[in-house]
Amino acid sequence: MAIQRYQNRFEPSSLLAQFNDEINRMFVQDSNAFPALAGGAWTPNVDIRETDNAYHIEAEVPGVNPQDIEVTLDKGVLTLKGERSEEKTDDNGQARYRERRFGSFVRRFSLPETADEENIEARAEHGVLRLTINKKATSEPRRITVRSGDTGTATVDTQDQAESA
């Protein structure tokens, strides 16, 4: 008997997953014909947090060598690229059930205007890629006094600015 994933058949989400598996089996006789089932491209899960000083992105990349992860920034778009290689075994046994995904991945994120594109740090440890994108120092809005007549020039009214804050 083959080892199978445990499923509680009385939970609605399990029933839906079981139905989905049956539909996939009905249309895909050969698992190699459907890359998502056979271990084709995969997408790492990502968490994004914002603090007062920075944006933090954490991506799950287990089994990916940190040197094989490419992080690029172009025109405000942060791109994460990498590949998780399939482990080869010497025995010729046929796979009966596979959940682990292999292959290349690409994730892209549009950075907000407040992100400091010159100050991004990336590190990977224990299968998690952590990016820290610091925020730019923001300039405070200022109020400019408008004067009437030809003799006056517009100046910055610092007292009104302090009172409105």
Protein backbone atom coordinates (compact mmCIF):
# COMPACT_ATOMS: atom_id res chain seq x y z
CA MET A 1 0.00 0.00 0.00
CA ALA A 2 1.32 3.45 -0.90
CA ILE A 3 1.81 6.15 1.70
CA GLN A 4 -0.86 8.83 1.33
CA ARG A 5 -1.49 12.17 2.94
CA TYR A 6 -3.91 12.06 5.86
CA GLN A 7 -7.28 13.66 5.14
CA ASN A 8 -10.12 14.04 7.59
CA ARG A 9 -13.04 13.15 5.35
CA PHE A 10 -15.55 14.96 7.55
CA GLU A 11 -14.16 18.47 7.12
CA PRO A 12 -15.67 20.53 4.25
CA SER A 13 -12.27 21.83 3.15
CA SER A 14 -10.98 18.26 2.96
CA LEU A 15 -13.94 17.24 0.82
CA LEU A 16 -13.28 20.14 -1.53
CA ALA A 17 -9.59 19.21 -1.78
CA GLN A 18 -10.54 15.58 -2.44
CA PHE A 19 -12.97 16.67 -5.18
CA ASN A 20 -10.25 18.84 -6.73
CA ASP A 21 -7.80 15.90 -6.70
CA GLU A 22 -10.36 13.66 -8.41
CA ILE A 23 -11.02 16.25 -11.14
CA ASN A 24 -7.27 16.61 -11.73
CA ARG A 25 -6.87 12.81 -11.99
CA MET A 26 -9.77 12.64 -14.44
CA PHE A 27 -8.23 15.14 -16.87
CA VAL A 28 -4.56 14.35 -16.33
CA GLN A 29 -3.66 10.73 -16.84
CA ASP A 30 0.07 11.42 -16.88
CA SER A 31 1.29 13.67 -14.06
CA ASN A 32 4.13 14.91 -16.29
CA ALA A 33 1.55 16.49 -18.61
CA PHE A 34 0.51 18.94 -15.89
CA PRO A 35 3.56 20.77 -14.52
CA ALA A 36 1.82 22.17 -11.42
CA LEU A 37 1.15 18.62 -10.27
CA ALA A 38 4.41 17.15 -11.46
CA GLY A 39 6.69 19.67 -9.81
CA GLY A 40 6.98 22.47 -12.37
CA ALA A 41 7.18 26.13 -11.47
CA TRP A 42 6.29 27.03 -7.92
CA THR A 43 5.72 30.22 -6.00
CA PRO A 44 7.21 30.83 -2.56
CA ASN A 45 4.84 32.14 0.10
CA VAL A 46 5.55 35.74 1.07
CA ASP A 47 4.76 37.93 4.09
CA ILE A 48 5.06 41.72 3.85
CA ARG A 49 5.15 43.98 6.91
CA GLU A 50 5.52 47.73 7.26
CA THR A 51 7.11 49.47 10.23
CA ASP A 52 7.70 53.16 10.83
CA ASN A 53 11.16 52.99 9.25
CA ALA A 54 11.05 50.16 6.70
CA TYR A 55 9.19 47.54 4.68
CA HIS A 56 9.99 43.89 5.43
CA ILE A 57 9.48 41.02 2.98
CA GLU A 58 9.92 37.40 4.05
CA ALA A 59 9.76 34.67 1.41
CA GLU A 60 9.81 30.93 2.10
CA VAL A 61 12.54 29.40 -0.06
CA PRO A 62 13.41 26.05 1.53
CA GLY A 63 15.90 23.99 -0.43
CA VAL A 64 17.13 26.99 -2.43
CA ASN A 65 20.79 27.88 -2.12
CA PRO A 66 21.05 31.59 -1.12
CA GLN A 67 23.67 32.10 -3.88
CA ASP A 68 21.06 30.95 -6.42
CA ILE A 69 18.55 33.67 -5.45
CA GLU A 70 18.63 36.76 -7.63
CA VAL A 71 17.16 39.99 -6.23
CA THR A 72 16.92 42.90 -8.68
CA LEU A 73 15.32 46.34 -8.70
CA ASP A 74 14.31 48.08 -11.91
CA LYS A 75 12.06 51.14 -12.18
CA GLY A 76 10.45 50.59 -8.78
CA VAL A 77 9.82 46.86 -9.31
CA LEU A 78 11.58 44.45 -6.95
CA THR A 79 12.07 40.99 -8.49
CA LEU A 80 12.96 37.77 -6.68
CA LYS A 81 14.16 34.89 -8.88
CA GLY A 82 15.50 31.49 -8.04
CA GLU A 83 15.26 27.78 -8.61
CA ARG A 84 14.82 24.75 -6.41
CA SER A 85 16.33 21.66 -8.02
CA GLU A 86 14.70 18.28 -7.76
CA GLU A 87 16.60 15.78 -5.68
CA LYS A 88 17.67 12.79 -7.75
CA THR A 89 17.83 9.34 -6.21
CA ASP A 90 19.69 6.29 -7.47
CA ASP A 91 16.79 3.86 -7.22
CA ASN A 92 14.38 3.60 -10.13
CA GLY A 93 11.20 3.65 -8.05
CA GLN A 94 8.22 5.44 -9.50
CA ALA A 95 6.77 8.36 -7.54
CA ARG A 96 3.27 7.61 -6.28
CA TYR A 97 2.47 10.87 -4.58
CA ARG A 98 4.24 14.25 -4.67
CA GLU A 99 3.52 17.50 -2.86
CA ARG A 100 6.92 19.16 -3.01
CA ARG A 101 7.38 21.51 -5.95
CA PHE A 102 10.59 22.06 -7.88
CA GLY A 103 11.68 24.40 -10.61
CA SER A 104 12.15 28.10 -11.00
CA PHE A 105 10.17 30.89 -9.39
CA VAL A 106 9.70 34.61 -9.96
CA ARG A 107 7.97 37.07 -7.62
CA ARG A 108 7.62 40.79 -8.39
CA PHE A 109 6.60 43.65 -6.11
CA SER A 110 5.96 47.31 -6.90
CA LEU A 111 7.67 49.46 -4.31
CA PRO A 112 5.92 52.57 -2.99
CA GLU A 113 7.40 56.02 -3.51
CA THR A 114 8.48 56.10 0.14
CA ALA A 115 10.86 53.15 -0.36
CA ASP A 116 14.56 54.01 -0.38
CA GLU A 117 15.70 52.10 -3.46
CA GLU A 118 19.35 52.75 -2.61
CA ASN A 119 19.09 51.09 0.80
CA ILE A 120 17.85 47.48 0.48
CA GLU A 121 19.26 44.58 2.47
CA ALA A 122 18.69 40.89 1.66
CA ARG A 123 19.72 37.82 3.62
CA ALA A 124 18.65 34.19 3.64
CA GLU A 125 18.84 31.70 6.49
CA HIS A 126 16.95 28.56 7.45
CA GLY A 127 14.97 28.60 4.18
CA VAL A 128 13.63 32.14 4.57
CA LEU A 129 14.70 35.09 2.41
CA ARG A 130 14.41 38.33 4.40
CA LEU A 131 14.47 41.70 2.65
CA THR A 132 14.52 45.03 4.46
CA ILE A 133 13.68 48.10 2.41
CA ASN A 134 14.23 51.28 4.39
CA LYS A 135 11.92 54.23 3.92
CA LYS A 136 13.11 57.59 2.63
CA ALA A 137 13.18 60.52 5.01
CA THR A 138 9.98 62.34 4.20
CA SER A 139 9.85 66.07 3.91
CA GLU A 140 7.10 67.78 5.85
CA PRO A 141 4.58 69.79 3.83
CA ARG A 142 4.96 73.51 4.23
CA ARG A 143 2.54 76.35 3.80
CA ILE A 144 3.41 79.24 1.53
CA THR A 145 1.76 82.57 2.23
CA VAL A 146 0.27 84.30 -0.78
CA ARG A 147 0.43 88.09 -0.65
CA SER A 148 -1.48 90.53 -2.74
CA GLY A 149 0.04 93.31 -4.78
CA ASP A 150 3.13 93.69 -6.90
CA THR A 151 5.60 94.54 -4.13
CA GLY A 152 5.24 91.40 -2.02
CA THR A 153 6.96 88.12 -2.68
CA ALA A 154 5.81 84.72 -1.55
CA THR A 155 7.55 83.50 1.59
CA VAL A 156 7.35 80.46 3.78
CA ASP A 157 5.20 81.09 6.84
CA THR A 158 6.87 78.97 9.51
CA GLN A 159 4.60 80.18 12.31
CA ASP A 160 1.43 78.99 10.50
CA GLN A 161 3.16 75.67 9.82
CA ALA A 162 3.96 75.17 13.52
CA GLU A 163 0.40 76.07 14.58
CA SER A 164 -1.20 73.62 12.13
CA ALA A 165 0.98 70.74 13.33
